[in-house]
Amino acid sequence: MVKAVCLFLALCVFGLHADTREPKEVLYEKIKGLVDEKTFSANQDFIKIIFAPESKYFHSERLDVVSVVQTLKDNGLLNIFFKTPQEITVRFKTSGSPLFFVKIMGDTLRNMGYYRYVTKESNRNEAEFNWTIHLTSEYAIDPLILQRELEKSGCNIVDIERKTPQEWGYMIDMRDGHLDTLVLQYPHTMELKRSLYDYWIDVSGIEKLEIESSSRNSWYPYISYYNTSLHLLKVIKEENQRKKMVLTIPKYTKYIKISDTYTIKNIRDSLVLKPLGSR
C-alpha cells in the first residue's frame, strides 16, 4: 500500500498522470509560459501553424515539453541570451535519491561548461527532492543541451517552467538514472589517464580489483565505495605512497571513486585497473 502511494505521488510530480484538459489547451498554456507575452501575442497565427497538428507533441497523453522547446527555438521564438551577464536561478525537482541526483546534475552541468554555481536551497519531502542553484552567465541553460546531456545518464526532462528570462525550473525523471561513467568488466583491463577530477568507475560486476600506479605517480590512495543510490559504504585512506594494491569489492557496491588522500595532482600519469574476478 505504501509503495502504491509513493508511486502515485511520483507520477504526479512528473506530470505523467492523465490531464483532463484538451491537448490544445495544455500545449498553448505551456507555450505561453515559455515565451514572453509580447512574443506570443505578436506571433499567435505563426504559432498555430508551426505547432500543427498539436497531437504530435503528445506521447501517451503527456506533453513532450522538450519537443515544444525545440520547435520554439527552431523558429526563433525562444531567446535564452542576454546582453550582459545575469544571475540565473535554476530549480530542479525529482523523486529520486538526493545524493544521486546532485551527482548526476553536477556532472551534467560540468559537461555543459557550468563549473561555477552556488546551491541556494535543497529540501526533500515524501514526494520530491528540490535543488535550487544560482549561476552567472550571458545565457540561460539551453533546455535542449540539458536534455541531451541528461540522456547520457538515463534521465529525462518531463516538464519545464520559465518564470522569468533569468528563472527556470525543471522536473527530471531519473527512474532509470545511472552515472555516465566508465564500466569495468572482467577480464578487461582499464587504463585511467591523468585527470583534473576524481575517477568514478562502475564496478558492479567485479569481485576483486588490482590497481597499479605508474612510476611517475606519488599516489596516496583514497578510495570510496558507493551503492546504486550513492550512499557511502566504505572508505580506504592511505597515508603511505602505493604503487600497487588489491581491493576486495564490498557487497552492494555499484561505484568506486578513486582519488588521492592529499591532492589529485599526485596522479601525474596513468592508473591501470585489472579485474581479478567477477560477481
Protein backbone atom coordinates (compact mmCIF):
# COMPACT_ATOMS: atom_id res chain seq x y z
CA MET A 1 0.00 0.00 0.00
CA VAL A 2 2.84 2.41 0.90
CA LYS A 3 4.66 1.63 -2.34
CA ALA A 4 1.50 2.28 -4.35
CA VAL A 5 1.01 5.69 -2.70
CA CYS A 6 4.69 6.64 -3.31
CA LEU A 7 4.41 5.63 -6.97
CA PHE A 8 1.26 7.72 -7.39
CA LEU A 9 2.97 10.74 -5.84
CA ALA A 10 5.97 10.29 -8.12
CA LEU A 11 3.77 10.16 -11.19
CA CYS A 12 2.02 13.33 -10.12
CA VAL A 13 5.35 15.09 -9.59
CA PHE A 14 6.44 14.32 -13.12
CA GLY A 15 3.10 15.13 -14.72
CA LEU A 16 2.79 11.58 -16.03
CA HIS A 17 -0.82 11.31 -14.94
CA ALA A 18 -3.53 12.00 -17.49
CA ASP A 19 -4.51 15.66 -17.91
CA THR A 20 -8.28 16.21 -18.18
CA ARG A 21 -7.86 19.34 -20.31
CA GLU A 22 -7.91 19.31 -24.09
CA PRO A 23 -4.47 18.76 -25.66
CA LYS A 24 -4.63 22.11 -27.44
CA GLU A 25 -5.25 23.90 -24.13
CA VAL A 26 -2.35 22.11 -22.45
CA LEU A 27 0.01 22.85 -25.35
CA TYR A 28 -0.78 26.55 -25.65
CA GLU A 29 -0.65 27.12 -21.92
CA LYS A 30 2.87 25.67 -21.93
CA ILE A 31 3.92 27.82 -24.92
CA LYS A 32 2.64 30.95 -23.14
CA GLY A 33 4.75 30.00 -20.13
CA LEU A 34 7.92 29.53 -22.18
CA VAL A 35 7.85 32.71 -24.28
CA ASP A 36 7.15 36.25 -23.14
CA GLU A 37 3.65 37.69 -23.55
CA LYS A 38 4.68 40.15 -26.26
CA THR A 39 6.23 37.40 -28.41
CA PHE A 40 3.18 35.16 -28.02
CA SER A 41 0.69 37.93 -28.87
CA ALA A 42 2.63 39.05 -31.95
CA ASN A 43 3.02 35.51 -33.31
CA GLN A 44 -0.22 33.70 -32.48
CA ASP A 45 -1.04 32.81 -36.09
CA PHE A 46 2.52 31.67 -36.78
CA ILE A 47 2.49 29.56 -33.60
CA LYS A 48 -0.71 27.82 -34.72
CA ILE A 49 0.99 26.90 -38.00
CA ILE A 50 4.27 25.56 -36.60
CA PHE A 51 2.53 23.56 -33.86
CA ALA A 52 0.04 21.85 -36.16
CA PRO A 53 -1.07 19.21 -35.59
CA GLU A 54 -0.99 19.56 -31.81
CA SER A 55 -1.21 15.79 -31.36
CA LYS A 56 2.42 15.24 -32.43
CA TYR A 57 3.57 16.97 -29.23
CA PHE A 58 1.89 14.37 -27.02
CA HIS A 59 3.10 10.90 -26.14
CA SER A 60 0.90 8.62 -24.04
CA GLU A 61 -1.31 11.64 -23.25
CA ARG A 62 1.69 13.56 -21.87
CA LEU A 63 3.05 16.76 -23.38
CA ASP A 64 6.58 16.40 -24.76
CA VAL A 65 7.86 19.71 -23.45
CA VAL A 66 11.34 19.22 -24.94
CA SER A 67 9.82 18.97 -28.43
CA VAL A 68 7.87 22.16 -27.72
CA VAL A 69 11.09 23.96 -26.81
CA GLN A 70 12.77 22.54 -29.94
CA THR A 71 10.06 23.99 -32.20
CA LEU A 72 10.14 27.38 -30.46
CA LYS A 73 13.93 27.59 -30.79
CA ASP A 74 13.98 26.42 -34.39
CA ASN A 75 11.58 29.21 -35.30
CA GLY A 76 13.31 31.98 -33.35
CA LEU A 77 10.61 32.36 -30.70
CA LEU A 78 12.65 31.39 -27.63
CA ASN A 79 15.61 33.59 -26.76
CA ILE A 80 17.88 32.45 -23.93
CA PHE A 81 20.64 35.04 -24.44
CA PHE A 82 21.22 38.29 -22.52
CA LYS A 83 23.03 41.48 -23.50
CA THR A 84 25.11 41.34 -20.30
CA PRO A 85 25.87 38.55 -17.78
CA GLN A 86 22.91 37.89 -15.49
CA GLU A 87 22.36 35.98 -12.26
CA ILE A 88 20.27 32.95 -13.15
CA THR A 89 18.18 30.82 -10.81
CA VAL A 90 17.53 27.20 -11.77
CA ARG A 91 15.23 24.94 -9.76
CA PHE A 92 15.38 21.18 -10.24
CA LYS A 93 12.83 18.67 -8.97
CA THR A 94 12.95 14.88 -8.92
CA SER A 95 11.55 11.96 -6.96
CA GLY A 96 14.88 10.13 -6.84
CA SER A 97 17.75 9.93 -4.36
CA PRO A 98 19.07 13.42 -3.48
CA LEU A 99 22.73 12.34 -3.37
CA PHE A 100 22.46 10.52 -6.67
CA PHE A 101 20.57 13.37 -8.31
CA VAL A 102 23.01 16.09 -7.24
CA LYS A 103 25.92 13.98 -8.52
CA ILE A 104 24.24 13.42 -11.89
CA MET A 105 23.28 17.09 -12.20
CA GLY A 106 26.74 18.26 -11.13
CA ASP A 107 28.36 16.10 -13.82
CA THR A 108 25.78 17.25 -16.37
CA LEU A 109 26.33 20.94 -15.63
CA ARG A 110 30.09 20.50 -15.81
CA ASN A 111 29.76 18.78 -19.20
CA MET A 112 27.78 21.82 -20.34
CA GLY A 113 30.53 24.18 -19.21
CA TYR A 114 28.93 25.36 -15.95
CA TYR A 115 31.72 24.97 -13.41
CA ARG A 116 30.72 27.74 -11.03
CA TYR A 117 27.31 27.65 -9.41
CA VAL A 118 26.06 28.01 -5.85
CA THR A 119 23.47 25.86 -4.12
CA LYS A 120 20.87 28.22 -2.69
CA GLU A 121 18.31 25.73 -1.43
CA SER A 122 17.74 21.99 -1.12
CA ASN A 123 14.88 20.17 0.57
CA ARG A 124 13.09 16.86 0.41
CA ASN A 125 9.58 15.68 1.25
CA GLU A 126 7.71 12.42 0.68
CA ALA A 127 7.04 13.21 -2.97
CA GLU A 128 10.11 15.03 -4.30
CA PHE A 129 13.56 16.49 -3.85
CA ASN A 130 14.13 20.16 -4.73
CA TRP A 131 17.53 21.61 -5.56
CA THR A 132 17.99 25.30 -6.42
CA ILE A 133 21.20 26.78 -7.80
CA HIS A 134 22.38 30.25 -8.81
CA LEU A 135 24.91 30.95 -11.53
CA THR A 136 26.06 33.93 -13.56
CA SER A 137 26.01 33.68 -17.34
CA GLU A 138 25.28 35.56 -20.57
CA TYR A 139 22.59 33.00 -21.40
CA ALA A 140 20.14 30.72 -19.62
CA ILE A 141 20.69 26.97 -19.61
CA ASP A 142 19.67 25.60 -23.01
CA PRO A 143 16.92 23.00 -22.33
CA LEU A 144 17.84 21.02 -25.45
CA ILE A 145 21.51 20.70 -24.49
CA LEU A 146 20.49 19.85 -20.92
CA GLN A 147 18.20 17.07 -22.20
CA ARG A 148 20.95 15.68 -24.44
CA GLU A 149 23.41 15.54 -21.55
CA LEU A 150 20.86 14.04 -19.14
CA GLU A 151 20.12 11.23 -21.58
CA LYS A 152 23.69 10.03 -21.13
CA SER A 153 22.76 9.23 -17.53
CA GLY A 154 19.38 7.69 -18.33
CA CYS A 155 17.43 10.77 -17.18
CA ASN A 156 14.85 12.91 -18.97
CA ILE A 157 13.20 16.31 -18.64
CA VAL A 158 9.45 15.87 -18.13
CA ASP A 159 8.49 19.50 -17.52
CA ILE A 160 9.98 22.97 -17.85
CA GLU A 161 8.87 26.22 -16.25
CA ARG A 162 10.10 29.71 -17.16
CA LYS A 163 9.03 32.28 -14.59
CA THR A 164 11.31 34.99 -15.99
CA PRO A 165 14.17 35.00 -18.52
CA GLN A 166 16.51 34.53 -15.53
CA GLU A 167 14.47 31.97 -13.57
CA TRP A 168 13.79 28.44 -14.83
CA GLY A 169 12.52 25.22 -13.33
CA TYR A 170 12.98 21.62 -14.46
CA MET A 171 11.30 18.39 -13.43
CA ILE A 172 13.62 15.44 -14.04
CA ASP A 173 12.68 11.77 -14.33
CA MET A 174 15.62 9.74 -13.04
CA ARG A 175 13.93 6.37 -12.55
CA ASP A 176 16.43 4.85 -14.99
CA GLY A 177 19.28 7.09 -13.85
CA HIS A 178 22.88 5.98 -13.68
CA LEU A 179 26.24 7.71 -13.63
CA ASP A 180 27.64 8.40 -17.07
CA THR A 181 30.93 6.77 -16.22
CA LEU A 182 33.31 4.00 -17.21
CA VAL A 183 32.20 0.41 -16.62
CA LEU A 184 34.87 -2.08 -15.59
CA GLN A 185 34.22 -5.65 -16.75
CA TYR A 186 36.12 -8.86 -16.14
CA PRO A 187 38.60 -9.77 -17.61
CA HIS A 188 39.29 -6.47 -19.39
CA THR A 189 42.00 -4.13 -18.11
CA MET A 190 41.33 -0.39 -17.96
CA GLU A 191 43.89 2.42 -18.03
CA LEU A 192 42.93 5.69 -16.40
CA LYS A 193 44.71 8.69 -17.86
CA ARG A 194 45.69 11.79 -15.89
CA SER A 195 42.66 13.81 -14.85
CA LEU A 196 41.79 17.02 -13.03
CA TYR A 197 38.93 15.22 -11.28
CA ASP A 198 38.39 12.08 -9.22
CA TYR A 199 37.81 8.86 -11.16
CA TRP A 200 34.34 7.27 -10.93
CA ILE A 201 34.10 3.64 -12.05
CA ASP A 202 31.15 1.23 -12.24
CA VAL A 203 32.45 -1.97 -10.60
CA SER A 204 29.10 -3.70 -10.04
CA GLY A 205 30.30 -6.81 -11.90
CA ILE A 206 33.72 -7.02 -10.22
CA GLU A 207 34.64 -9.02 -7.11
CA LYS A 208 38.35 -8.17 -6.80
CA LEU A 209 40.41 -5.43 -8.37
CA GLU A 210 44.11 -4.72 -8.73
CA ILE A 211 45.23 -1.11 -9.19
CA GLU A 212 48.75 -0.40 -10.39
CA SER A 213 50.11 3.13 -10.29
CA SER A 214 52.62 4.48 -12.79
CA SER A 215 56.17 5.01 -11.53
CA ARG A 216 55.70 8.73 -12.24
CA ASN A 217 52.93 8.98 -9.67
CA SER A 218 53.16 9.75 -5.98
CA TRP A 219 49.81 8.16 -5.22
CA TYR A 220 48.34 8.03 -1.73
CA PRO A 221 45.11 6.08 -2.37
CA TYR A 222 41.77 7.44 -1.25
CA ILE A 223 39.06 5.06 -2.44
CA SER A 224 35.35 5.33 -1.70
CA TYR A 225 32.71 2.65 -2.30
CA TYR A 226 29.07 3.56 -3.10
CA ASN A 227 25.83 1.70 -3.70
CA THR A 228 23.35 2.41 -6.52
CA SER A 229 21.93 5.44 -4.66
CA LEU A 230 25.43 6.79 -3.92
CA HIS A 231 25.25 6.02 -0.24
CA LEU A 232 28.78 5.61 1.09
CA LEU A 233 29.60 2.01 2.02
CA LYS A 234 33.31 2.13 2.83
CA VAL A 235 36.42 4.32 2.53
CA ILE A 236 40.06 3.31 2.17
CA LYS A 237 42.51 6.08 3.04
CA GLU A 238 46.27 5.51 2.75
CA GLU A 239 48.86 7.85 4.22
CA ASN A 240 51.70 5.94 2.58
CA GLN A 241 52.54 6.05 -1.11
CA ARG A 242 51.42 2.96 -3.04
CA LYS A 243 52.40 1.56 -6.43
CA LYS A 244 50.04 -1.41 -6.38
CA MET A 245 47.09 -2.58 -4.30
CA VAL A 246 44.39 -5.24 -4.45
CA LEU A 247 40.82 -4.42 -3.44
CA THR A 248 38.01 -6.74 -2.44
CA ILE A 249 34.82 -5.02 -3.60
CA PRO A 250 32.21 -4.95 -0.81
CA LYS A 251 28.77 -6.42 -1.42
CA TYR A 252 26.20 -3.98 -2.89
CA THR A 253 28.94 -1.76 -4.35
CA LYS A 254 27.93 -0.12 -7.63
CA TYR A 255 30.60 2.59 -7.99
CA ILE A 256 34.04 3.33 -6.64
CA LYS A 257 35.66 6.76 -6.57
CA ILE A 258 39.45 6.74 -6.91
CA SER A 259 41.27 9.81 -5.63
CA ASP A 260 44.31 10.82 -3.61
CA THR A 261 44.46 11.46 0.13
CA TYR A 262 46.19 14.81 -0.39
CA THR A 263 45.69 16.05 -3.96
CA ILE A 264 44.61 14.57 -7.28
CA LYS A 265 47.72 16.20 -8.77
CA ASN A 266 49.75 13.36 -7.24
CA ILE A 267 48.40 11.20 -10.04
CA ARG A 268 50.61 12.59 -12.79
CA ASP A 269 50.34 9.55 -15.06
CA SER A 270 48.07 6.57 -15.54
CA LEU A 271 46.45 4.12 -13.15
CA VAL A 272 45.90 0.59 -14.51
CA LEU A 273 42.83 -1.29 -13.26
CA LYS A 274 42.86 -5.08 -13.61
CA PRO A 275 39.79 -7.11 -12.50
CA LEU A 276 40.78 -10.30 -10.71
CA GLY A 277 37.34 -11.82 -10.54
CA SER A 278 33.71 -11.20 -11.47
CA ARG A 279 30.49 -11.42 -9.46
